[in-house]
């Protein structure tokens, strides 16, 4: 039996920036979907639009796939769209797609403004290739141009973690606050996020942050097997 009034039927992102460009990217990724594939679904507004386009492709072509979602938001959307979901415990993704907050000329990424970087990185390392969908505004000469680095941390060790981040060159370190509720954002892994500014983001910084006891993951994605699909390249 289905719900007569599904709470998700009118659910959508509000005020999506660069909507036309993101719709173009969503349609490009939907065309890559093939019968029987297991696909890692990223988070964020572009991935949200891509999931909707993939649902249309599934219906039009009568194909079957499984999604490995990286956030509750995308898992709920897949459920509503009728896209079966699975997990890394059960299946290995053939490929994944995701967005990014910043991309530099080395294909290094800054992600995590949505707080899902841990699961996004797990999908990425388990996929043969991850397609990163970005509109032109996300392309930068240097990571950290527009955003701080998100660092997912255990609550108990937050003061130690902050001290170690400072030793690595981090400044202006703050706990990310929630919107619509008091207190910090709680991630899907029941952790909190520190946002830290770094003037020097080098090839070792991701590994050095991850070495800090109590750090679960950072929003730096350096040296991963990704292919950037941007509206700049497809104009």
Foldseek 3Di string as FASTA:
>chain_A
DDDPDDPCPPDADPPDPPVVFLLVLLLVVLVVDDAAFEEEQADDRSSLNNLVNVLVVCVVVVGAYEYAYQAPVVVVVCVVSVHHYDHPVVDQGQEYEYEAQAAEPQRKTFHQPVPRVLSVVVNQVRYPEYEYEEEPVRYDHDPLPPFFKKWWFAPVCVVVLVVQCVVVAWPPKDWDCDPPDGDGDQHPVRTTIIGTGHPDDDQCPQVSSVPRPGTSGMRIDHPTRYDYDYVVVVD
